[in-house]
């Protein structure tokens, strides 16, 4: 068996110190309000940096996903019943943290077809509650595909989030391997639909699952055809031995090549770095777009 590629030094991040006041304050507020964050669930490498800056990406609809993406560390067991206090608790946490920019994402809940419109009703309620307690906060949503149903998408879009984010995750060829329960063209259609409704749109994908440069460029151009505003590009890091292996760690020069291709061939704002994730520098990228 071939040895796994070693993690480059520039991908190694420090573990949050137990005496980091801001980090501990965010954890306390999240736990007190019985909330989940993608920072914890997906083992985000930027958790220390974000928590220390009093920011977090809220994970609604519980902490268990109904899909089986082979790269993701979110739990894939049978989902529990929804917590009816969750929308208000997110709003309260946003207020207690004093956030200016709030990111709301979720697990995928294909089981909620009948009683929550694939989870879109919960997004609708959460945005309303956040705005009620925090009228000046900017809201980014990072949604699942809701099976591509327009009525579910409209529930979210009609609440006018400041940024509409839906991740494409990887190139088309790797969908059967990495996202067997998702569809590449459906993701593009979701982004295209949101843009047609006037949204600032955003997406993201990973490097290191076995794609080549030509496939990366094709993916970028496909995203540009949807009139996408922002894209995040970062290195896939294997969460455990049960997840997909890292096929390649990209060099810093290769990241620069990809960033330059986006800048020179599209109108998309690129956030490209080894540790870039969906909500990495989210507020900063939003402010750049609105200034255009």
C-alpha atoms as a PDB file:
ATOM      1  CA  UNK A   1       0.000   0.000   0.000  1.00  0.00           C
ATOM      2  CA  UNK A   2       1.389   3.410  -0.945  1.00  0.00           C
ATOM      3  CA  UNK A   3       2.185   5.797   1.890  1.00  0.00           C
ATOM      4  CA  UNK A   4      -0.226   8.670   2.375  1.00  0.00           C
ATOM      5  CA  UNK A   5       1.085  12.057   1.313  1.00  0.00           C
ATOM      6  CA  UNK A   6       2.427  14.010   4.273  1.00  0.00           C
ATOM      7  CA  UNK A   7       0.610  17.184   5.315  1.00  0.00           C
ATOM      8  CA  UNK A   8       2.630  20.226   4.177  1.00  0.00           C
ATOM      9  CA  UNK A   9       3.801  22.559   6.926  1.00  0.00           C
ATOM     10  CA  UNK A  10       1.690  25.453   5.597  1.00  0.00           C
ATOM     11  CA  UNK A  11      -1.473  23.411   6.213  1.00  0.00           C
ATOM     12  CA  UNK A  12      -0.745  22.796   9.877  1.00  0.00           C
ATOM     13  CA  UNK A  13      -2.746  25.048  12.205  1.00  0.00           C
ATOM     14  CA  UNK A  14      -2.446  25.623  15.899  1.00  0.00           C
ATOM     15  CA  UNK A  15      -4.926  24.105  18.317  1.00  0.00           C
ATOM     16  CA  UNK A  16      -6.959  26.670  20.194  1.00  0.00           C
ATOM     17  CA  UNK A  17      -5.493  27.332  23.604  1.00  0.00           C
ATOM     18  CA  UNK A  18      -7.712  26.565  26.584  1.00  0.00           C
ATOM     19  CA  UNK A  19      -6.914  30.003  28.002  1.00  0.00           C
ATOM     20  CA  UNK A  20      -7.929  31.848  24.806  1.00  0.00           C
ATOM     21  CA  UNK A  21     -10.717  34.058  26.178  1.00  0.00           C
ATOM     22  CA  UNK A  22     -12.516  34.768  22.892  1.00  0.00           C
ATOM     23  CA  UNK A  23     -12.386  31.122  21.807  1.00  0.00           C
ATOM     24  CA  UNK A  24     -13.868  29.949  25.091  1.00  0.00           C
ATOM     25  CA  UNK A  25     -16.547  32.649  25.035  1.00  0.00           C
ATOM     26  CA  UNK A  26     -17.795  31.539  21.602  1.00  0.00           C
ATOM     27  CA  UNK A  27     -17.842  27.873  22.680  1.00  0.00           C
ATOM     28  CA  UNK A  28     -19.801  28.805  25.809  1.00  0.00           C
ATOM     29  CA  UNK A  29     -22.441  30.755  23.843  1.00  0.00           C
ATOM     30  CA  UNK A  30     -22.818  27.950  21.274  1.00  0.00           C
ATOM     31  CA  UNK A  31     -23.245  25.303  23.985  1.00  0.00           C
ATOM     32  CA  UNK A  32     -25.580  27.422  26.128  1.00  0.00           C
ATOM     33  CA  UNK A  33     -27.955  27.893  23.207  1.00  0.00           C
ATOM     34  CA  UNK A  34     -27.860  24.179  22.291  1.00  0.00           C
ATOM     35  CA  UNK A  35     -26.480  24.947  18.828  1.00  0.00           C
ATOM     36  CA  UNK A  36     -24.179  23.226  16.351  1.00  0.00           C
ATOM     37  CA  UNK A  37     -21.506  24.791  14.182  1.00  0.00           C
ATOM     38  CA  UNK A  38     -19.960  23.539  10.983  1.00  0.00           C
ATOM     39  CA  UNK A  39     -16.671  24.645  12.550  1.00  0.00           C
ATOM     40  CA  UNK A  40     -16.904  21.696  14.961  1.00  0.00           C
ATOM     41  CA  UNK A  41     -18.937  19.241  12.879  1.00  0.00           C
ATOM     42  CA  UNK A  42     -16.697  19.435   9.819  1.00  0.00           C
ATOM     43  CA  UNK A  43     -13.454  19.856  11.795  1.00  0.00           C
ATOM     44  CA  UNK A  44     -12.693  23.143  10.054  1.00  0.00           C
ATOM     45  CA  UNK A  45      -8.974  24.026  10.265  1.00  0.00           C
ATOM     46  CA  UNK A  46      -9.857  27.709  10.751  1.00  0.00           C
ATOM     47  CA  UNK A  47     -11.917  27.137  13.900  1.00  0.00           C
ATOM     48  CA  UNK A  48      -9.276  28.600  16.204  1.00  0.00           C
ATOM     49  CA  UNK A  49      -8.899  31.733  14.072  1.00  0.00           C
ATOM     50  CA  UNK A  50     -12.650  32.267  13.661  1.00  0.00           C
ATOM     51  CA  UNK A  51     -13.666  31.497  17.252  1.00  0.00           C
ATOM     52  CA  UNK A  52     -10.914  33.781  18.500  1.00  0.00           C
ATOM     53  CA  UNK A  53     -12.416  36.540  16.316  1.00  0.00           C
ATOM     54  CA  UNK A  54     -15.874  35.834  17.798  1.00  0.00           C
ATOM     55  CA  UNK A  55     -17.306  34.422  14.573  1.00  0.00           C
ATOM     56  CA  UNK A  56     -18.892  31.072  13.786  1.00  0.00           C
ATOM     57  CA  UNK A  57     -20.873  29.390  11.012  1.00  0.00           C
ATOM     58  CA  UNK A  58     -24.143  28.102  12.489  1.00  0.00           C
ATOM     59  CA  UNK A  59     -25.259  24.611  11.490  1.00  0.00           C
ATOM     60  CA  UNK A  60     -29.055  24.306  11.558  1.00  0.00           C
ATOM     61  CA  UNK A  61     -31.426  21.345  11.021  1.00  0.00           C
ATOM     62  CA  UNK A  62     -29.496  19.336  13.585  1.00  0.00           C
ATOM     63  CA  UNK A  63     -26.032  17.842  13.235  1.00  0.00           C
ATOM     64  CA  UNK A  64     -26.792  14.718  11.166  1.00  0.00           C
ATOM     65  CA  UNK A  65     -26.832  14.580   7.350  1.00  0.00           C
ATOM     66  CA  UNK A  66     -28.933  12.276   5.160  1.00  0.00           C
ATOM     67  CA  UNK A  67     -26.330  12.123   2.393  1.00  0.00           C
ATOM     68  CA  UNK A  68     -23.077  10.215   2.191  1.00  0.00           C
ATOM     69  CA  UNK A  69     -20.454  12.604   0.779  1.00  0.00           C
ATOM     70  CA  UNK A  70     -17.188  10.719   1.095  1.00  0.00           C
ATOM     71  CA  UNK A  71     -15.109  13.760   2.060  1.00  0.00           C
ATOM     72  CA  UNK A  72     -17.293  15.181   4.837  1.00  0.00           C
ATOM     73  CA  UNK A  73     -16.941  14.690   8.593  1.00  0.00           C
ATOM     74  CA  UNK A  74     -20.541  15.651   9.423  1.00  0.00           C
ATOM     75  CA  UNK A  75     -22.398  12.752  11.093  1.00  0.00           C
ATOM     76  CA  UNK A  76     -24.404  10.569   8.686  1.00  0.00           C
ATOM     77  CA  UNK A  77     -26.569   8.654  11.159  1.00  0.00           C
ATOM     78  CA  UNK A  78     -30.383   8.745  11.335  1.00  0.00           C
ATOM     79  CA  UNK A  79     -31.372  12.393  11.958  1.00  0.00           C
ATOM     80  CA  UNK A  80     -33.140  13.414  15.151  1.00  0.00           C
ATOM     81  CA  UNK A  81     -36.328  15.465  15.319  1.00  0.00           C
ATOM     82  CA  UNK A  82     -35.925  19.188  14.736  1.00  0.00           C
ATOM     83  CA  UNK A  83     -35.391  21.502  17.717  1.00  0.00           C
ATOM     84  CA  UNK A  84     -38.199  24.050  17.415  1.00  0.00           C
ATOM     85  CA  UNK A  85     -36.180  26.588  19.434  1.00  0.00           C
ATOM     86  CA  UNK A  86     -33.251  26.450  17.018  1.00  0.00           C
ATOM     87  CA  UNK A  87     -34.120  29.565  14.903  1.00  0.00           C
ATOM     88  CA  UNK A  88     -34.483  31.759  17.997  1.00  0.00           C
ATOM     89  CA  UNK A  89     -31.369  30.276  19.616  1.00  0.00           C
ATOM     90  CA  UNK A  90     -29.296  31.119  16.515  1.00  0.00           C
ATOM     91  CA  UNK A  91     -30.621  34.687  16.624  1.00  0.00           C
ATOM     92  CA  UNK A  92     -29.783  34.954  20.317  1.00  0.00           C
ATOM     93  CA  UNK A  93     -26.262  33.635  19.769  1.00  0.00           C
ATOM     94  CA  UNK A  94     -25.698  36.165  16.960  1.00  0.00           C
ATOM     95  CA  UNK A  95     -26.780  38.932  19.348  1.00  0.00           C
ATOM     96  CA  UNK A  96     -24.660  37.685  22.253  1.00  0.00           C
ATOM     97  CA  UNK A  97     -21.627  37.392  19.992  1.00  0.00           C
ATOM     98  CA  UNK A  98     -22.185  40.880  18.601  1.00  0.00           C
ATOM     99  CA  UNK A  99     -21.778  39.691  15.019  1.00  0.00           C
ATOM    100  CA  UNK A 100     -21.921  42.044  12.048  1.00  0.00           C
ATOM    101  CA  UNK A 101     -21.946  39.146   9.584  1.00  0.00           C
ATOM    102  CA  UNK A 102     -23.689  35.847  10.207  1.00  0.00           C
ATOM    103  CA  UNK A 103     -23.260  32.629   8.192  1.00  0.00           C
ATOM    104  CA  UNK A 104     -26.062  30.059   8.392  1.00  0.00           C
ATOM    105  CA  UNK A 105     -25.605  26.619   6.882  1.00  0.00           C
ATOM    106  CA  UNK A 106     -27.093  23.183   7.479  1.00  0.00           C
ATOM    107  CA  UNK A 107     -26.856  19.491   6.987  1.00  0.00           C
ATOM    108  CA  UNK A 108     -28.851  18.084   4.064  1.00  0.00           C
ATOM    109  CA  UNK A 109     -32.233  16.753   5.196  1.00  0.00           C
ATOM    110  CA  UNK A 110     -33.783  14.839   2.299  1.00  0.00           C
ATOM    111  CA  UNK A 111     -36.046  13.185   4.890  1.00  0.00           C
ATOM    112  CA  UNK A 112     -37.910  16.473   5.426  1.00  0.00           C
ATOM    113  CA  UNK A 113     -39.608  16.447   2.033  1.00  0.00           C
ATOM    114  CA  UNK A 114     -43.144  16.674   3.416  1.00  0.00           C
ATOM    115  CA  UNK A 115     -42.981  18.548   6.722  1.00  0.00           C
ATOM    116  CA  UNK A 116     -40.225  21.113   6.169  1.00  0.00           C
ATOM    117  CA  UNK A 117     -39.750  21.377   2.396  1.00  0.00           C
ATOM    118  CA  UNK A 118     -36.259  19.788   2.576  1.00  0.00           C
ATOM    119  CA  UNK A 119     -35.350  22.159   5.410  1.00  0.00           C
ATOM    120  CA  UNK A 120     -36.107  25.395   3.566  1.00  0.00           C
ATOM    121  CA  UNK A 121     -38.816  26.350   6.063  1.00  0.00           C
ATOM    122  CA  UNK A 122     -36.226  26.163   8.847  1.00  0.00           C
ATOM    123  CA  UNK A 123     -33.935  28.506   6.888  1.00  0.00           C
ATOM    124  CA  UNK A 124     -36.873  30.887   6.415  1.00  0.00           C
ATOM    125  CA  UNK A 125     -37.646  30.894  10.146  1.00  0.00           C
ATOM    126  CA  UNK A 126     -34.000  31.282  11.155  1.00  0.00           C
ATOM    127  CA  UNK A 127     -33.369  34.279   8.894  1.00  0.00           C
ATOM    128  CA  UNK A 128     -36.537  35.950  10.235  1.00  0.00           C
ATOM    129  CA  UNK A 129     -35.508  35.380  13.860  1.00  0.00           C
ATOM    130  CA  UNK A 130     -31.940  36.582  13.269  1.00  0.00           C
ATOM    131  CA  UNK A 131     -33.190  39.781  11.643  1.00  0.00           C
ATOM    132  CA  UNK A 132     -35.757  40.348  14.394  1.00  0.00           C
ATOM    133  CA  UNK A 133     -33.089  40.398  17.111  1.00  0.00           C
ATOM    134  CA  UNK A 134     -30.258  41.745  14.914  1.00  0.00           C
ATOM    135  CA  UNK A 135     -31.730  44.152  12.340  1.00  0.00           C
ATOM    136  CA  UNK A 136     -28.349  45.393  11.129  1.00  0.00           C
ATOM    137  CA  UNK A 137     -26.582  42.044  10.724  1.00  0.00           C
ATOM    138  CA  UNK A 138     -25.601  40.827   7.250  1.00  0.00           C
ATOM    139  CA  UNK A 139     -26.650  37.237   6.553  1.00  0.00           C
ATOM    140  CA  UNK A 140     -25.000  34.662   4.319  1.00  0.00           C
ATOM    141  CA  UNK A 141     -26.726  31.330   3.780  1.00  0.00           C
ATOM    142  CA  UNK A 142     -24.870  28.220   2.647  1.00  0.00           C
ATOM    143  CA  UNK A 143     -27.676  25.923   1.568  1.00  0.00           C
ATOM    144  CA  UNK A 144     -28.013  22.311   0.399  1.00  0.00           C
ATOM    145  CA  UNK A 145     -29.596  21.816  -3.023  1.00  0.00           C
ATOM    146  CA  UNK A 146     -33.177  21.155  -1.763  1.00  0.00           C
ATOM    147  CA  UNK A 147     -33.297  18.643  -4.639  1.00  0.00           C
ATOM    148  CA  UNK A 148     -33.387  21.641  -6.981  1.00  0.00           C
ATOM    149  CA  UNK A 149     -37.007  22.500  -6.180  1.00  0.00           C
ATOM    150  CA  UNK A 150     -37.710  26.158  -6.912  1.00  0.00           C
ATOM    151  CA  UNK A 151     -40.397  26.531  -4.259  1.00  0.00           C
ATOM    152  CA  UNK A 152     -37.888  25.500  -1.572  1.00  0.00           C
ATOM    153  CA  UNK A 153     -35.216  27.806  -2.995  1.00  0.00           C
ATOM    154  CA  UNK A 154     -37.726  30.660  -3.097  1.00  0.00           C
ATOM    155  CA  UNK A 155     -38.439  30.298   0.628  1.00  0.00           C
ATOM    156  CA  UNK A 156     -34.819  31.255   1.273  1.00  0.00           C
ATOM    157  CA  UNK A 157     -34.424  33.773  -1.548  1.00  0.00           C
ATOM    158  CA  UNK A 158     -37.590  35.642  -0.530  1.00  0.00           C
ATOM    159  CA  UNK A 159     -35.981  36.412   2.831  1.00  0.00           C
ATOM    160  CA  UNK A 160     -33.306  38.337   0.903  1.00  0.00           C
ATOM    161  CA  UNK A 161     -30.103  36.998   2.466  1.00  0.00           C
ATOM    162  CA  UNK A 162     -27.145  39.215   1.646  1.00  0.00           C
ATOM    163  CA  UNK A 163     -25.197  36.292   0.114  1.00  0.00           C
ATOM    164  CA  UNK A 164     -26.565  33.045  -1.326  1.00  0.00           C
ATOM    165  CA  UNK A 165     -23.941  30.287  -1.139  1.00  0.00           C
ATOM    166  CA  UNK A 166     -24.177  26.743  -2.496  1.00  0.00           C
ATOM    167  CA  UNK A 167     -21.022  24.672  -2.869  1.00  0.00           C
ATOM    168  CA  UNK A 168     -20.175  22.692  -5.989  1.00  0.00           C
ATOM    169  CA  UNK A 169     -17.405  20.927  -3.981  1.00  0.00           C
ATOM    170  CA  UNK A 170     -15.519  19.168  -6.812  1.00  0.00           C
ATOM    171  CA  UNK A 171     -15.299  18.566 -10.554  1.00  0.00           C
ATOM    172  CA  UNK A 172     -18.059  16.769 -12.455  1.00  0.00           C
ATOM    173  CA  UNK A 173     -16.097  13.534 -13.049  1.00  0.00           C
ATOM    174  CA  UNK A 174     -15.615  12.988  -9.313  1.00  0.00           C
ATOM    175  CA  UNK A 175     -19.260  13.365  -8.280  1.00  0.00           C
ATOM    176  CA  UNK A 176     -19.990   9.590  -8.306  1.00  0.00           C
ATOM    177  CA  UNK A 177     -16.973   9.055  -6.061  1.00  0.00           C
ATOM    178  CA  UNK A 178     -17.241  12.070  -3.750  1.00  0.00           C
ATOM    179  CA  UNK A 179     -20.913  13.139  -3.910  1.00  0.00           C
ATOM    180  CA  UNK A 180     -22.890  10.124  -5.075  1.00  0.00           C
ATOM    181  CA  UNK A 181     -26.212  11.549  -3.824  1.00  0.00           C
ATOM    182  CA  UNK A 182     -25.738  14.967  -5.420  1.00  0.00           C
ATOM    183  CA  UNK A 183     -25.751  16.214  -9.006  1.00  0.00           C
ATOM    184  CA  UNK A 184     -23.221  18.581 -10.611  1.00  0.00           C
ATOM    185  CA  UNK A 185     -25.716  20.152 -13.030  1.00  0.00           C
ATOM    186  CA  UNK A 186     -28.290  20.601 -10.268  1.00  0.00           C
ATOM    187  CA  UNK A 187     -25.765  22.637  -8.283  1.00  0.00           C
ATOM    188  CA  UNK A 188     -25.100  24.868 -11.292  1.00  0.00           C
ATOM    189  CA  UNK A 189     -28.849  25.269 -11.821  1.00  0.00           C
ATOM    190  CA  UNK A 190     -29.363  26.284  -8.172  1.00  0.00           C
ATOM    191  CA  UNK A 191     -26.700  28.987  -8.501  1.00  0.00           C
ATOM    192  CA  UNK A 192     -28.100  30.161 -11.822  1.00  0.00           C
ATOM    193  CA  UNK A 193     -31.618  30.347 -10.386  1.00  0.00           C
ATOM    194  CA  UNK A 194     -30.499  32.370  -7.353  1.00  0.00           C
ATOM    195  CA  UNK A 195     -28.634  34.809  -9.594  1.00  0.00           C
ATOM    196  CA  UNK A 196     -31.753  35.222 -11.766  1.00  0.00           C
ATOM    197  CA  UNK A 197     -33.545  36.347  -8.578  1.00  0.00           C
ATOM    198  CA  UNK A 198     -30.957  39.050  -7.911  1.00  0.00           C
ATOM    199  CA  UNK A 199     -28.840  37.294  -5.292  1.00  0.00           C
ATOM    200  CA  UNK A 200     -25.132  37.805  -4.678  1.00  0.00           C
ATOM    201  CA  UNK A 201     -24.051  34.221  -5.316  1.00  0.00           C
ATOM    202  CA  UNK A 202     -21.129  32.223  -4.002  1.00  0.00           C
ATOM    203  CA  UNK A 203     -19.771  28.691  -4.294  1.00  0.00           C
ATOM    204  CA  UNK A 204     -16.695  26.714  -3.334  1.00  0.00           C
ATOM    205  CA  UNK A 205     -14.709  23.620  -4.192  1.00  0.00           C
ATOM    206  CA  UNK A 206     -11.826  21.514  -2.901  1.00  0.00           C
ATOM    207  CA  UNK A 207      -8.519  20.529  -4.410  1.00  0.00           C
ATOM    208  CA  UNK A 208      -6.803  17.196  -3.925  1.00  0.00           C
ATOM    209  CA  UNK A 209      -9.469  14.600  -4.728  1.00  0.00           C
ATOM    210  CA  UNK A 210      -7.909  13.534  -8.027  1.00  0.00           C
ATOM    211  CA  UNK A 211      -8.823  16.360 -10.410  1.00  0.00           C
ATOM    212  CA  UNK A 212      -6.412  17.825 -12.971  1.00  0.00           C
ATOM    213  CA  UNK A 213      -5.817  21.440 -13.970  1.00  0.00           C
ATOM    214  CA  UNK A 214      -7.923  21.250 -17.132  1.00  0.00           C
ATOM    215  CA  UNK A 215     -10.857  19.916 -15.107  1.00  0.00           C
ATOM    216  CA  UNK A 216     -10.419  22.690 -12.546  1.00  0.00           C
ATOM    217  CA  UNK A 217     -10.514  25.276 -15.316  1.00  0.00           C
ATOM    218  CA  UNK A 218     -13.651  23.685 -16.789  1.00  0.00           C
ATOM    219  CA  UNK A 219     -15.322  23.823 -13.371  1.00  0.00           C
ATOM    220  CA  UNK A 220     -14.409  27.499 -12.961  1.00  0.00           C
ATOM    221  CA  UNK A 221     -15.798  28.363 -16.386  1.00  0.00           C
ATOM    222  CA  UNK A 222     -19.001  26.446 -15.602  1.00  0.00           C
ATOM    223  CA  UNK A 223     -19.391  28.530 -12.448  1.00  0.00           C
ATOM    224  CA  UNK A 224     -18.764  31.715 -14.402  1.00  0.00           C
ATOM    225  CA  UNK A 225     -21.604  30.816 -16.769  1.00  0.00           C
ATOM    226  CA  UNK A 226     -23.977  31.075 -13.780  1.00  0.00           C
ATOM    227  CA  UNK A 227     -22.724  34.665 -13.261  1.00  0.00           C
ATOM    228  CA  UNK A 228     -21.260  33.683  -9.894  1.00  0.00           C
ATOM    229  CA  UNK A 229     -19.876  36.489  -7.710  1.00  0.00           C
ATOM    230  CA  UNK A 230     -17.529  34.732  -5.247  1.00  0.00           C
ATOM    231  CA  UNK A 231     -15.702  31.396  -5.194  1.00  0.00           C
ATOM    232  CA  UNK A 232     -13.657  29.800  -2.411  1.00  0.00           C
ATOM    233  CA  UNK A 233     -10.976  27.252  -3.302  1.00  0.00           C
ATOM    234  CA  UNK A 234      -9.040  25.277  -0.696  1.00  0.00           C
ATOM    235  CA  UNK A 235      -7.189  22.049  -0.023  1.00  0.00           C
ATOM    236  CA  UNK A 236      -9.105  18.898   0.903  1.00  0.00           C
ATOM    237  CA  UNK A 237      -7.799  17.458   4.163  1.00  0.00           C
ATOM    238  CA  UNK A 238      -8.871  13.898   5.005  1.00  0.00           C
ATOM    239  CA  UNK A 239     -10.930  13.975   8.250  1.00  0.00           C
ATOM    240  CA  UNK A 240     -10.322  10.293   9.044  1.00  0.00           C
ATOM    241  CA  UNK A 241      -9.114   7.047   7.459  1.00  0.00           C
ATOM    242  CA  UNK A 242     -12.736   6.258   6.580  1.00  0.00           C
ATOM    243  CA  UNK A 243     -12.912   9.241   4.221  1.00  0.00           C
ATOM    244  CA  UNK A 244     -11.451   9.714   0.740  1.00  0.00           C
ATOM    245  CA  UNK A 245      -7.686   9.821   0.559  1.00  0.00           C
ATOM    246  CA  UNK A 246      -5.913  13.013  -0.400  1.00  0.00           C
ATOM    247  CA  UNK A 247      -4.602  12.387  -3.907  1.00  0.00           C
ATOM    248  CA  UNK A 248      -2.492  15.530  -3.968  1.00  0.00           C
ATOM    249  CA  UNK A 249      -1.444  18.476  -1.818  1.00  0.00           C
ATOM    250  CA  UNK A 250      -1.256  21.532  -4.047  1.00  0.00           C
ATOM    251  CA  UNK A 251       1.722  23.863  -3.809  1.00  0.00           C
ATOM    252  CA  UNK A 252       1.384  27.564  -3.110  1.00  0.00           C
ATOM    253  CA  UNK A 253       2.471  28.255  -6.693  1.00  0.00           C
ATOM    254  CA  UNK A 254      -0.373  26.060  -7.979  1.00  0.00           C
ATOM    255  CA  UNK A 255      -2.848  28.006  -5.874  1.00  0.00           C
ATOM    256  CA  UNK A 256      -1.545  31.183  -7.449  1.00  0.00           C
ATOM    257  CA  UNK A 257      -1.983  29.679 -10.932  1.00  0.00           C
ATOM    258  CA  UNK A 258      -5.619  28.838 -10.180  1.00  0.00           C
ATOM    259  CA  UNK A 259      -6.276  32.264  -8.665  1.00  0.00           C
ATOM    260  CA  UNK A 260      -4.762  33.976 -11.703  1.00  0.00           C
ATOM    261  CA  UNK A 261      -6.907  31.873 -14.051  1.00  0.00           C
ATOM    262  CA  UNK A 262     -10.056  32.972 -12.207  1.00  0.00           C
ATOM    263  CA  UNK A 263      -9.012  36.629 -12.281  1.00  0.00           C
ATOM    264  CA  UNK A 264      -8.019  36.575 -15.950  1.00  0.00           C
ATOM    265  CA  UNK A 265     -10.900  34.522 -17.371  1.00  0.00           C
ATOM    266  CA  UNK A 266     -13.976  35.261 -15.247  1.00  0.00           C
ATOM    267  CA  UNK A 267     -15.756  38.000 -13.325  1.00  0.00           C
ATOM    268  CA  UNK A 268     -15.651  35.940 -10.107  1.00  0.00           C
ATOM    269  CA  UNK A 269     -13.956  37.211  -6.941  1.00  0.00           C
ATOM    270  CA  UNK A 270     -11.535  34.412  -5.923  1.00  0.00           C
ATOM    271  CA  UNK A 271     -10.745  33.442  -2.327  1.00  0.00           C
ATOM    272  CA  UNK A 272      -7.989  30.918  -3.015  1.00  0.00           C
ATOM    273  CA  UNK A 273      -5.714  29.535  -0.301  1.00  0.00           C
ATOM    274  CA  UNK A 274      -4.816  26.141   1.167  1.00  0.00           C
ATOM    275  CA  UNK A 275      -7.038  26.651   4.214  1.00  0.00           C
ATOM    276  CA  UNK A 276      -9.825  28.557   2.445  1.00  0.00           C
ATOM    277  CA  UNK A 277     -13.243  27.179   3.330  1.00  0.00           C
ATOM    278  CA  UNK A 278     -16.815  28.229   2.501  1.00  0.00           C
ATOM    279  CA  UNK A 279     -17.071  31.012   5.064  1.00  0.00           C
ATOM    280  CA  UNK A 280     -13.375  31.962   5.116  1.00  0.00           C
ATOM    281  CA  UNK A 281     -13.095  35.776   5.015  1.00  0.00           C
ATOM    282  CA  UNK A 282     -16.810  35.835   4.176  1.00  0.00           C
ATOM    283  CA  UNK A 283     -17.485  39.367   5.398  1.00  0.00           C
ATOM    284  CA  UNK A 284     -14.417  40.751   3.631  1.00  0.00           C
ATOM    285  CA  UNK A 285     -15.394  39.180   0.288  1.00  0.00           C
ATOM    286  CA  UNK A 286     -18.990  40.415   0.653  1.00  0.00           C
ATOM    287  CA  UNK A 287     -17.781  43.991   1.186  1.00  0.00           C
ATOM    288  CA  UNK A 288     -15.607  43.773  -1.933  1.00  0.00           C
ATOM    289  CA  UNK A 289     -18.565  42.661  -4.050  1.00  0.00           C
ATOM    290  CA  UNK A 290     -20.945  45.382  -2.845  1.00  0.00           C
ATOM    291  CA  UNK A 291     -18.310  48.039  -3.587  1.00  0.00           C
ATOM    292  CA  UNK A 292     -18.125  47.016  -7.252  1.00  0.00           C
END
